[in-house]
Amino acid sequence: LQASLKHRDKYDNFLIGYTWSKSMDNGSDVFDSSNPYNPSQSRAL
């Protein structure tokens, strides 16, 4: 979920962004290796 709020006038401007998220996989790092017997068990953040 992504939301932003922007304000601009003569003397100031603001930009505020908020993200609420979740990312999952069974390998996202160069050193990640999946469980060879049950790859689904390696699914994690």
All heavy atoms as atom14 arrays in JSON, in Angstrom:
{
  "sequence": "LQASLKHRDKYDNFLIGYTWSKSMDNGSDVFDSSNPYNPSQSRAL",
  "atom14_mask": [
    [1, 1, 1, 1, 1, 1, 1, 1, 0, 0, 0, 0, 0, 0],
    [1, 1, 1, 1, 1, 1, 1, 1, 1, 0, 0, 0, 0, 0],
    [1, 1, 1, 1, 1, 0, 0, 0, 0, 0, 0, 0, 0, 0],
    [1, 1, 1, 1, 1, 1, 0, 0, 0, 0, 0, 0, 0, 0],
    [1, 1, 1, 1, 1, 1, 1, 1, 0, 0, 0, 0, 0, 0],
    [1, 1, 1, 1, 1, 1, 1, 1, 1, 0, 0, 0, 0, 0],
    [1, 1, 1, 1, 1, 1, 1, 1, 1, 1, 0, 0, 0, 0],
    [1, 1, 1, 1, 1, 1, 1, 1, 1, 1, 1, 0, 0, 0],
    [1, 1, 1, 1, 1, 1, 1, 1, 0, 0, 0, 0, 0, 0],
    [1, 1, 1, 1, 1, 1, 1, 1, 1, 0, 0, 0, 0, 0],
    [1, 1, 1, 1, 1, 1, 1, 1, 1, 1, 1, 1, 0, 0],
    [1, 1, 1, 1, 1, 1, 1, 1, 0, 0, 0, 0, 0, 0],
    [1, 1, 1, 1, 1, 1, 1, 1, 0, 0, 0, 0, 0, 0],
    [1, 1, 1, 1, 1, 1, 1, 1, 1, 1, 1, 0, 0, 0],
    [1, 1, 1, 1, 1, 1, 1, 1, 0, 0, 0, 0, 0, 0],
    [1, 1, 1, 1, 1, 1, 1, 1, 0, 0, 0, 0, 0, 0],
    [1, 1, 1, 1, 0, 0, 0, 0, 0, 0, 0, 0, 0, 0],
    [1, 1, 1, 1, 1, 1, 1, 1, 1, 1, 1, 1, 0, 0],
    [1, 1, 1, 1, 1, 1, 1, 0, 0, 0, 0, 0, 0, 0],
    [1, 1, 1, 1, 1, 1, 1, 1, 1, 1, 1, 1, 1, 1],
    [1, 1, 1, 1, 1, 1, 0, 0, 0, 0, 0, 0, 0, 0],
    [1, 1, 1, 1, 1, 1, 1, 1, 1, 0, 0, 0, 0, 0],
    [1, 1, 1, 1, 1, 1, 0, 0, 0, 0, 0, 0, 0, 0],
    [1, 1, 1, 1, 1, 1, 1, 1, 0, 0, 0, 0, 0, 0],
    [1, 1, 1, 1, 1, 1, 1, 1, 0, 0, 0, 0, 0, 0],
    [1, 1, 1, 1, 1, 1, 1, 1, 0, 0, 0, 0, 0, 0],
    [1, 1, 1, 1, 0, 0, 0, 0, 0, 0, 0, 0, 0, 0],
    [1, 1, 1, 1, 1, 1, 0, 0, 0, 0, 0, 0, 0, 0],
    [1, 1, 1, 1, 1, 1, 1, 1, 0, 0, 0, 0, 0, 0],
    [1, 1, 1, 1, 1, 1, 1, 0, 0, 0, 0, 0, 0, 0],
    [1, 1, 1, 1, 1, 1, 1, 1, 1, 1, 1, 0, 0, 0],
    [1, 1, 1, 1, 1, 1, 1, 1, 0, 0, 0, 0, 0, 0],
    [1, 1, 1, 1, 1, 1, 0, 0, 0, 0, 0, 0, 0, 0],
    [1, 1, 1, 1, 1, 1, 0, 0, 0, 0, 0, 0, 0, 0],
    [1, 1, 1, 1, 1, 1, 1, 1, 0, 0, 0, 0, 0, 0],
    [1, 1, 1, 1, 1, 1, 1, 0, 0, 0, 0, 0, 0, 0],
    [1, 1, 1, 1, 1, 1, 1, 1, 1, 1, 1, 1, 0, 0],
    [1, 1, 1, 1, 1, 1, 1, 1, 0, 0, 0, 0, 0, 0],
    [1, 1, 1, 1, 1, 1, 1, 0, 0, 0, 0, 0, 0, 0],
    [1, 1, 1, 1, 1, 1, 0, 0, 0, 0, 0, 0, 0, 0],
    [1, 1, 1, 1, 1, 1, 1, 1, 1, 0, 0, 0, 0, 0],
    [1, 1, 1, 1, 1, 1, 0, 0, 0, 0, 0, 0, 0, 0],
    [1, 1, 1, 1, 1, 1, 1, 1, 1, 1, 1, 0, 0, 0],
    [1, 1, 1, 1, 1, 0, 0, 0, 0, 0, 0, 0, 0, 0],
    [1, 1, 1, 1, 1, 1, 1, 1, 0, 0, 0, 0, 0, 0]
  ],
  "atom14_positions": [
    [[0.87, -1.16, 0.0], [0.0, 0.0, 0.0], [0.91, 1.21, 0.0], [1.79, 1.33, 0.86], [-0.89, 0.02, 1.24], [-1.65, 1.32, 1.51], [-2.72, 1.54, 0.44], [-2.28, 1.31, 2.9], [0.0, 0.0, 0.0], [0.0, 0.0, 0.0], [0.0, 0.0, 0.0], [0.0, 0.0, 0.0], [0.0, 0.0, 0.0], [0.0, 0.0, 0.0]],
    [[0.74, 2.11, -0.97], [1.6, 3.28, -1.08], [0.74, 4.55, -1.1], [-0.27, 4.61, -1.8], [2.43, 3.21, -2.36], [3.31, 1.97, -2.42], [4.12, 1.88, -3.69], [4.52, 2.89, -4.27], [4.4, 0.67, -4.15], [0.0, 0.0, 0.0], [0.0, 0.0, 0.0], [0.0, 0.0, 0.0], [0.0, 0.0, 0.0], [0.0, 0.0, 0.0]],
    [[1.15, 5.52, -0.3], [0.42, 6.79, -0.23], [1.41, 7.93, -0.15], [2.52, 7.78, 0.38], [-0.5, 6.81, 0.99], [0.0, 0.0, 0.0], [0.0, 0.0, 0.0], [0.0, 0.0, 0.0], [0.0, 0.0, 0.0], [0.0, 0.0, 0.0], [0.0, 0.0, 0.0], [0.0, 0.0, 0.0], [0.0, 0.0, 0.0], [0.0, 0.0, 0.0]],
    [[1.04, 9.08, -0.69], [1.92, 10.24, -0.63], [1.09, 11.51, -0.45], [-0.09, 11.56, -0.81], [2.76, 10.35, -1.91], [1.94, 10.54, -3.04], [0.0, 0.0, 0.0], [0.0, 0.0, 0.0], [0.0, 0.0, 0.0], [0.0, 0.0, 0.0], [0.0, 0.0, 0.0], [0.0, 0.0, 0.0], [0.0, 0.0, 0.0], [0.0, 0.0, 0.0]],
    [[1.73, 12.5, 0.12], [1.11, 13.8, 0.35], [2.11, 14.88, -0.06], [3.26, 14.85, 0.37], [0.74, 13.96, 1.83], [0.13, 15.31, 2.25], [-1.21, 15.54, 1.57], [-0.02, 15.37, 3.77], [0.0, 0.0, 0.0], [0.0, 0.0, 0.0], [0.0, 0.0, 0.0], [0.0, 0.0, 0.0], [0.0, 0.0, 0.0], [0.0, 0.0, 0.0]],
    [[1.66, 15.8, -0.89], [2.55, 16.85, -1.39], [1.95, 18.22, -1.09], [0.75, 18.43, -1.21], [2.75, 16.7, -2.9], [3.7, 17.74, -3.52], [3.76, 17.6, -5.03], [4.42, 16.31, -5.44], [4.62, 16.24, -6.92], [0.0, 0.0, 0.0], [0.0, 0.0, 0.0], [0.0, 0.0, 0.0], [0.0, 0.0, 0.0], [0.0, 0.0, 0.0]],
    [[2.83, 19.14, -0.69], [2.42, 20.53, -0.44], [3.49, 21.45, -0.99], [4.68, 21.22, -0.82], [2.25, 20.79, 1.06], [2.14, 22.25, 1.4], [1.0, 22.98, 1.2], [3.06, 23.12, 1.92], [1.2, 24.23, 1.58], [2.44, 24.34, 2.02], [0.0, 0.0, 0.0], [0.0, 0.0, 0.0], [0.0, 0.0, 0.0], [0.0, 0.0, 0.0]],
    [[3.08, 22.5, -1.66], [4.03, 23.46, -2.21], [3.43, 24.87, -2.16], [2.27, 25.07, -2.53], [4.36, 23.12, -3.66], [5.36, 24.08, -4.32], [5.53, 23.75, -5.8], [6.16, 22.48, -5.99], [7.48, 22.29, -6.05], [8.3, 23.34, -5.92], [7.98, 21.1, -6.23], [0.0, 0.0, 0.0], [0.0, 0.0, 0.0], [0.0, 0.0, 0.0]],
    [[4.2, 25.82, -1.67], [3.82, 27.22, -1.76], [5.07, 28.07, -1.92], [6.15, 27.54, -2.22], [2.96, 27.68, -0.57], [3.69, 27.6, 0.77], [4.93, 27.68, 0.77], [3.03, 27.47, 1.8], [0.0, 0.0, 0.0], [0.0, 0.0, 0.0], [0.0, 0.0, 0.0], [0.0, 0.0, 0.0], [0.0, 0.0, 0.0], [0.0, 0.0, 0.0]],
    [[4.96, 29.38, -1.71], [6.06, 30.28, -2.03], [7.31, 30.01, -1.21], [8.44, 30.1, -1.72], [5.6, 31.73, -1.83], [6.65, 32.77, -2.22], [6.1, 34.17, -2.06], [7.14, 35.22, -2.44], [6.61, 36.6, -2.3], [0.0, 0.0, 0.0], [0.0, 0.0, 0.0], [0.0, 0.0, 0.0], [0.0, 0.0, 0.0], [0.0, 0.0, 0.0]],
    [[7.13, 29.69, 0.06], [8.29, 29.59, 0.96], [8.65, 28.17, 1.38], [9.7, 27.96, 1.98], [8.05, 30.44, 2.21], [8.07, 31.92, 1.94], [6.89, 32.67, 1.97], [9.25, 32.58, 1.62], [6.9, 34.03, 1.7], [9.28, 33.94, 1.36], [8.09, 34.66, 1.4], [8.1, 36.0, 1.13], [0.0, 0.0, 0.0], [0.0, 0.0, 0.0]],
    [[7.8, 27.2, 1.11], [8.14, 25.85, 1.54], [7.45, 24.82, 0.66], [6.45, 25.1, 0.02], [7.77, 25.63, 3.01], [6.3, 25.92, 3.29], [5.44, 25.13, 2.85], [6.0, 26.95, 3.93], [0.0, 0.0, 0.0], [0.0, 0.0, 0.0], [0.0, 0.0, 0.0], [0.0, 0.0, 0.0], [0.0, 0.0, 0.0], [0.0, 0.0, 0.0]],
    [[8.02, 23.63, 0.65], [7.38, 22.5, -0.02], [7.73, 21.22, 0.74], [8.84, 21.08, 1.27], [7.75, 22.42, -1.5], [9.23, 22.17, -1.73], [9.7, 21.04, -1.62], [9.98, 23.23, -2.04], [0.0, 0.0, 0.0], [0.0, 0.0, 0.0], [0.0, 0.0, 0.0], [0.0, 0.0, 0.0], [0.0, 0.0, 0.0], [0.0, 0.0, 0.0]],
    [[6.78, 20.32, 0.78], [6.93, 19.07, 1.5], [6.43, 17.92, 0.62], [5.46, 18.06, -0.12], [6.12, 19.07, 2.8], [6.52, 20.12, 3.78], [5.97, 21.39, 3.72], [7.43, 19.84, 4.78], [6.32, 22.37, 4.64], [7.79, 20.81, 5.71], [7.24, 22.08, 5.63], [0.0, 0.0, 0.0], [0.0, 0.0, 0.0], [0.0, 0.0, 0.0]],
    [[7.08, 16.78, 0.73], [6.62, 15.56, 0.1], [6.78, 14.44, 1.11], [7.88, 14.16, 1.58], [7.43, 15.24, -1.17], [7.09, 13.92, -1.86], [5.63, 13.91, -2.32], [8.02, 13.66, -3.04], [0.0, 0.0, 0.0], [0.0, 0.0, 0.0], [0.0, 0.0, 0.0], [0.0, 0.0, 0.0], [0.0, 0.0, 0.0], [0.0, 0.0, 0.0]],
    [[5.66, 13.81, 1.48], [5.66, 12.73, 2.46], [5.16, 11.46, 1.77], [4.09, 11.46, 1.15], [4.77, 13.07, 3.67], [5.27, 14.35, 4.34], [4.77, 11.92, 4.68], [4.37, 14.83, 5.46], [0.0, 0.0, 0.0], [0.0, 0.0, 0.0], [0.0, 0.0, 0.0], [0.0, 0.0, 0.0], [0.0, 0.0, 0.0], [0.0, 0.0, 0.0]],
    [[5.92, 10.4, 1.87], [5.53, 9.13, 1.28], [5.52, 8.03, 2.32], [6.4, 7.96, 3.19], [0.0, 0.0, 0.0], [0.0, 0.0, 0.0], [0.0, 0.0, 0.0], [0.0, 0.0, 0.0], [0.0, 0.0, 0.0], [0.0, 0.0, 0.0], [0.0, 0.0, 0.0], [0.0, 0.0, 0.0], [0.0, 0.0, 0.0], [0.0, 0.0, 0.0]],
    [[4.51, 7.17, 2.24], [4.4, 6.04, 3.18], [4.16, 4.76, 2.39], [3.35, 4.73, 1.46], [3.26, 6.26, 4.17], [2.97, 5.04, 5.03], [3.83, 4.7, 6.07], [1.86, 4.23, 4.78], [3.58, 3.58, 6.84], [1.61, 3.12, 5.56], [2.48, 2.79, 6.59], [2.24, 1.68, 7.35], [0.0, 0.0, 0.0], [0.0, 0.0, 0.0]],
    [[4.88, 3.7, 2.75], [4.71, 2.4, 2.11], [4.54, 1.32, 3.19], [5.35, 1.24, 4.12], [5.92, 2.04, 1.23], [6.1, 3.06, 0.25], [5.7, 0.71, 0.53], [0.0, 0.0, 0.0], [0.0, 0.0, 0.0], [0.0, 0.0, 0.0], [0.0, 0.0, 0.0], [0.0, 0.0, 0.0], [0.0, 0.0, 0.0], [0.0, 0.0, 0.0]],
    [[3.51, 0.53, 3.03], [3.26, -0.64, 3.88], [3.32, -1.83, 2.94], [2.51, -1.94, 2.02], [1.91, -0.51, 4.56], [1.52, -1.71, 5.4], [2.34, -2.5, 6.14], [0.19, -2.22, 5.59], [1.62, -3.47, 6.77], [0.29, -3.33, 6.46], [-1.07, -1.84, 5.12], [-0.81, -4.07, 6.86], [-2.17, -2.58, 5.52], [-2.05, -3.67, 6.37]],
    [[4.29, -2.73, 3.12], [4.53, -3.74, 2.11], [5.03, -5.05, 2.72], [5.41, -5.11, 3.89], [5.55, -3.24, 1.08], [6.82, -3.04, 1.7], [0.0, 0.0, 0.0], [0.0, 0.0, 0.0], [0.0, 0.0, 0.0], [0.0, 0.0, 0.0], [0.0, 0.0, 0.0], [0.0, 0.0, 0.0], [0.0, 0.0, 0.0], [0.0, 0.0, 0.0]],
    [[5.03, -6.06, 1.86], [5.6, -7.36, 2.25], [6.14, -8.03, 1.0], [5.45, -8.15, -0.02], [4.55, -8.25, 2.9], [5.12, -9.55, 3.48], [4.07, -10.32, 4.25], [4.66, -11.56, 4.92], [3.64, -12.29, 5.72], [0.0, 0.0, 0.0], [0.0, 0.0, 0.0], [0.0, 0.0, 0.0], [0.0, 0.0, 0.0], [0.0, 0.0, 0.0]],
    [[7.4, -8.47, 1.07], [8.05, -9.14, -0.05], [8.53, -10.51, 0.42], [9.22, -10.61, 1.44], [9.23, -8.31, -0.56], [9.89, -8.99, -1.61], [0.0, 0.0, 0.0], [0.0, 0.0, 0.0], [0.0, 0.0, 0.0], [0.0, 0.0, 0.0], [0.0, 0.0, 0.0], [0.0, 0.0, 0.0], [0.0, 0.0, 0.0], [0.0, 0.0, 0.0]],
    [[8.16, -11.56, -0.31], [8.54, -12.93, 0.05], [9.1, -13.65, -1.17], [8.71, -13.36, -2.31], [7.36, -13.7, 0.62], [6.79, -13.12, 1.9], [5.62, -14.23, 2.71], [6.73, -15.55, 3.25], [0.0, 0.0, 0.0], [0.0, 0.0, 0.0], [0.0, 0.0, 0.0], [0.0, 0.0, 0.0], [0.0, 0.0, 0.0], [0.0, 0.0, 0.0]],
    [[10.02, -14.59, -0.93], [10.58, -15.39, -2.01], [11.32, -16.57, -1.4], [11.36, -16.74, -0.18], [11.52, -14.55, -2.88], [12.61, -13.87, -2.06], [13.24, -14.56, -1.24], [12.82, -12.66, -2.23], [0.0, 0.0, 0.0], [0.0, 0.0, 0.0], [0.0, 0.0, 0.0], [0.0, 0.0, 0.0], [0.0, 0.0, 0.0], [0.0, 0.0, 0.0]],
    [[11.89, -17.4, -2.26], [12.73, -18.5, -1.76], [14.19, -18.29, -2.12], [14.98, -19.22, -2.13], [12.22, -19.84, -2.28], [12.29, -19.94, -3.79], [12.59, -18.95, -4.48], [12.02, -21.12, -4.34], [0.0, 0.0, 0.0], [0.0, 0.0, 0.0], [0.0, 0.0, 0.0], [0.0, 0.0, 0.0], [0.0, 0.0, 0.0], [0.0, 0.0, 0.0]],
    [[14.52, -17.03, -2.43], [15.9, -16.7, -2.73], [16.02, -15.3, -3.29], [15.6, -15.06, -4.41], [0.0, 0.0, 0.0], [0.0, 0.0, 0.0], [0.0, 0.0, 0.0], [0.0, 0.0, 0.0], [0.0, 0.0, 0.0], [0.0, 0.0, 0.0], [0.0, 0.0, 0.0], [0.0, 0.0, 0.0], [0.0, 0.0, 0.0], [0.0, 0.0, 0.0]],
    [[16.59, -14.37, -2.52], [16.73, -12.99, -2.99], [18.12, -12.44, -2.72], [18.39, -11.28, -2.97], [15.68, -12.09, -2.34], [15.7, -12.21, -0.93], [0.0, 0.0, 0.0], [0.0, 0.0, 0.0], [0.0, 0.0, 0.0], [0.0, 0.0, 0.0], [0.0, 0.0, 0.0], [0.0, 0.0, 0.0], [0.0, 0.0, 0.0], [0.0, 0.0, 0.0]],
    [[19.0, -13.27, -2.19], [20.36, -12.86, -1.89], [21.31, -13.79, -2.63], [20.98, -14.95, -2.89], [20.62, -12.91, -0.39], [22.02, -12.44, -0.03], [22.25, -11.22, -0.01], [22.87, -13.3, 0.23], [0.0, 0.0, 0.0], [0.0, 0.0, 0.0], [0.0, 0.0, 0.0], [0.0, 0.0, 0.0], [0.0, 0.0, 0.0], [0.0, 0.0, 0.0]],
    [[22.49, -13.29, -2.96], [23.44, -14.09, -3.72], [23.83, -15.36, -2.98], [24.21, -16.37, -3.59], [24.7, -13.24, -4.05], [25.46, -12.88, -2.78], [25.6, -13.97, -5.04], [0.0, 0.0, 0.0], [0.0, 0.0, 0.0], [0.0, 0.0, 0.0], [0.0, 0.0, 0.0], [0.0, 0.0, 0.0], [0.0, 0.0, 0.0], [0.0, 0.0, 0.0]],
    [[23.7, -15.38, -1.64], [24.08, -16.56, -0.86], [22.88, -17.45, -0.54], [23.04, -18.49, 0.11], [24.76, -16.13, 0.44], [26.06, -15.4, 0.22], [26.16, -14.04, 0.47], [27.18, -16.06, -0.25], [27.35, -13.36, 0.27], [28.37, -15.4, -0.46], [28.46, -14.03, -0.2], [0.0, 0.0, 0.0], [0.0, 0.0, 0.0], [0.0, 0.0, 0.0]],
    [[21.67, -17.07, -0.95], [20.49, -17.87, -0.66], [20.52, -19.19, -1.43], [20.88, -19.23, -2.61], [19.21, -17.12, -1.04], [18.78, -16.16, 0.06], [19.32, -16.25, 1.18], [17.89, -15.33, -0.2], [0.0, 0.0, 0.0], [0.0, 0.0, 0.0], [0.0, 0.0, 0.0], [0.0, 0.0, 0.0], [0.0, 0.0, 0.0], [0.0, 0.0, 0.0]],
    [[20.13, -20.27, -0.76], [19.98, -21.57, -1.41], [18.68, -22.2, -0.92], [18.34, -22.12, 0.27], [21.15, -22.49, -1.09], [22.37, -21.96, -1.56], [0.0, 0.0, 0.0], [0.0, 0.0, 0.0], [0.0, 0.0, 0.0], [0.0, 0.0, 0.0], [0.0, 0.0, 0.0], [0.0, 0.0, 0.0], [0.0, 0.0, 0.0], [0.0, 0.0, 0.0]],
    [[17.94, -22.82, -1.82], [16.66, -23.41, -1.46], [16.84, -24.82, -0.89], [17.8, -25.53, -1.23], [15.75, -23.48, -2.69], [15.45, -22.19, -3.15], [0.0, 0.0, 0.0], [0.0, 0.0, 0.0], [0.0, 0.0, 0.0], [0.0, 0.0, 0.0], [0.0, 0.0, 0.0], [0.0, 0.0, 0.0], [0.0, 0.0, 0.0], [0.0, 0.0, 0.0]],
    [[15.92, -25.2, -0.05], [15.88, -26.56, 0.49], [15.76, -27.54, -0.67], [14.78, -27.52, -1.41], [14.68, -26.68, 1.43], [14.61, -28.01, 2.14], [14.94, -29.04, 1.58], [14.16, -27.98, 3.38], [0.0, 0.0, 0.0], [0.0, 0.0, 0.0], [0.0, 0.0, 0.0], [0.0, 0.0, 0.0], [0.0, 0.0, 0.0], [0.0, 0.0, 0.0]],
    [[16.74, -28.42, -0.87], [16.69, -29.31, -2.04], [15.59, -30.37, -1.97], [15.2, -30.93, -2.99], [18.08, -29.95, -2.06], [18.53, -29.89, -0.64], [17.96, -28.63, -0.07], [0.0, 0.0, 0.0], [0.0, 0.0, 0.0], [0.0, 0.0, 0.0], [0.0, 0.0, 0.0], [0.0, 0.0, 0.0], [0.0, 0.0, 0.0], [0.0, 0.0, 0.0]],
    [[15.1, -30.64, -0.76], [14.06, -31.66, -0.59], [12.65, -31.06, -0.63], [11.71, -31.7, -1.08], [14.25, -32.4, 0.73], [15.65, -32.93, 0.92], [16.44, -32.5, 1.98], [16.19, -33.86, 0.02], [17.73, -32.99, 2.15], [17.48, -34.35, 0.19], [18.23, -33.9, 1.25], [19.51, -34.38, 1.4], [0.0, 0.0, 0.0], [0.0, 0.0, 0.0]],
    [[12.54, -29.83, -0.16], [11.24, -29.17, -0.11], [11.46, -27.67, -0.33], [11.56, -26.9, 0.62], [10.56, -29.42, 1.23], [9.17, -28.82, 1.31], [8.64, -28.31, 0.32], [8.56, -28.88, 2.5], [0.0, 0.0, 0.0], [0.0, 0.0, 0.0], [0.0, 0.0, 0.0], [0.0, 0.0, 0.0], [0.0, 0.0, 0.0], [0.0, 0.0, 0.0]],
    [[11.57, -27.24, -1.6], [11.87, -25.82, -1.89], [10.88, -24.85, -1.26], [11.26, -23.72, -0.92], [11.81, -25.76, -3.42], [12.11, -27.15, -3.87], [11.49, -28.04, -2.82], [0.0, 0.0, 0.0], [0.0, 0.0, 0.0], [0.0, 0.0, 0.0], [0.0, 0.0, 0.0], [0.0, 0.0, 0.0], [0.0, 0.0, 0.0], [0.0, 0.0, 0.0]],
    [[9.63, -25.26, -1.09], [8.64, -24.36, -0.5], [8.97, -24.01, 0.94], [8.55, -22.97, 1.46], [7.24, -24.98, -0.58], [7.18, -26.17, 0.18], [0.0, 0.0, 0.0], [0.0, 0.0, 0.0], [0.0, 0.0, 0.0], [0.0, 0.0, 0.0], [0.0, 0.0, 0.0], [0.0, 0.0, 0.0], [0.0, 0.0, 0.0], [0.0, 0.0, 0.0]],
    [[9.76, -24.86, 1.62], [10.14, -24.58, 3.0], [11.12, -23.41, 3.08], [11.28, -22.8, 4.14], [10.75, -25.82, 3.65], [11.02, -25.65, 5.15], [11.51, -26.93, 5.8], [11.13, -28.04, 5.39], [12.38, -26.81, 6.79], [0.0, 0.0, 0.0], [0.0, 0.0, 0.0], [0.0, 0.0, 0.0], [0.0, 0.0, 0.0], [0.0, 0.0, 0.0]],
    [[11.76, -23.09, 1.97], [12.7, -21.96, 1.95], [12.0, -20.63, 1.71], [12.65, -19.58, 1.75], [13.75, -22.19, 0.85], [14.53, -23.33, 1.12], [0.0, 0.0, 0.0], [0.0, 0.0, 0.0], [0.0, 0.0, 0.0], [0.0, 0.0, 0.0], [0.0, 0.0, 0.0], [0.0, 0.0, 0.0], [0.0, 0.0, 0.0], [0.0, 0.0, 0.0]],
    [[10.72, -20.65, 1.43], [10.0, -19.4, 1.19], [9.93, -18.6, 2.49], [9.48, -19.08, 3.52], [8.59, -19.69, 0.67], [7.83, -18.43, 0.28], [6.54, -18.81, -0.45], [5.65, -17.68, -0.62], [5.78, -16.78, -1.58], [6.76, -16.88, -2.46], [4.93, -15.77, -1.68], [0.0, 0.0, 0.0], [0.0, 0.0, 0.0], [0.0, 0.0, 0.0]],
    [[10.41, -17.37, 2.42], [10.49, -16.52, 3.61], [10.54, -15.07, 3.18], [10.46, -14.75, 1.98], [11.74, -16.89, 4.42], [0.0, 0.0, 0.0], [0.0, 0.0, 0.0], [0.0, 0.0, 0.0], [0.0, 0.0, 0.0], [0.0, 0.0, 0.0], [0.0, 0.0, 0.0], [0.0, 0.0, 0.0], [0.0, 0.0, 0.0], [0.0, 0.0, 0.0]],
    [[10.67, -14.17, 4.12], [10.8, -12.76, 3.81], [12.03, -12.51, 2.95], [13.07, -13.15, 3.14], [10.9, -11.92, 5.09], [9.67, -11.89, 6.0], [9.98, -11.08, 7.26], [8.47, -11.3, 5.28], [0.0, 0.0, 0.0], [0.0, 0.0, 0.0], [0.0, 0.0, 0.0], [0.0, 0.0, 0.0], [0.0, 0.0, 0.0], [0.0, 0.0, 0.0]]
  ]
}
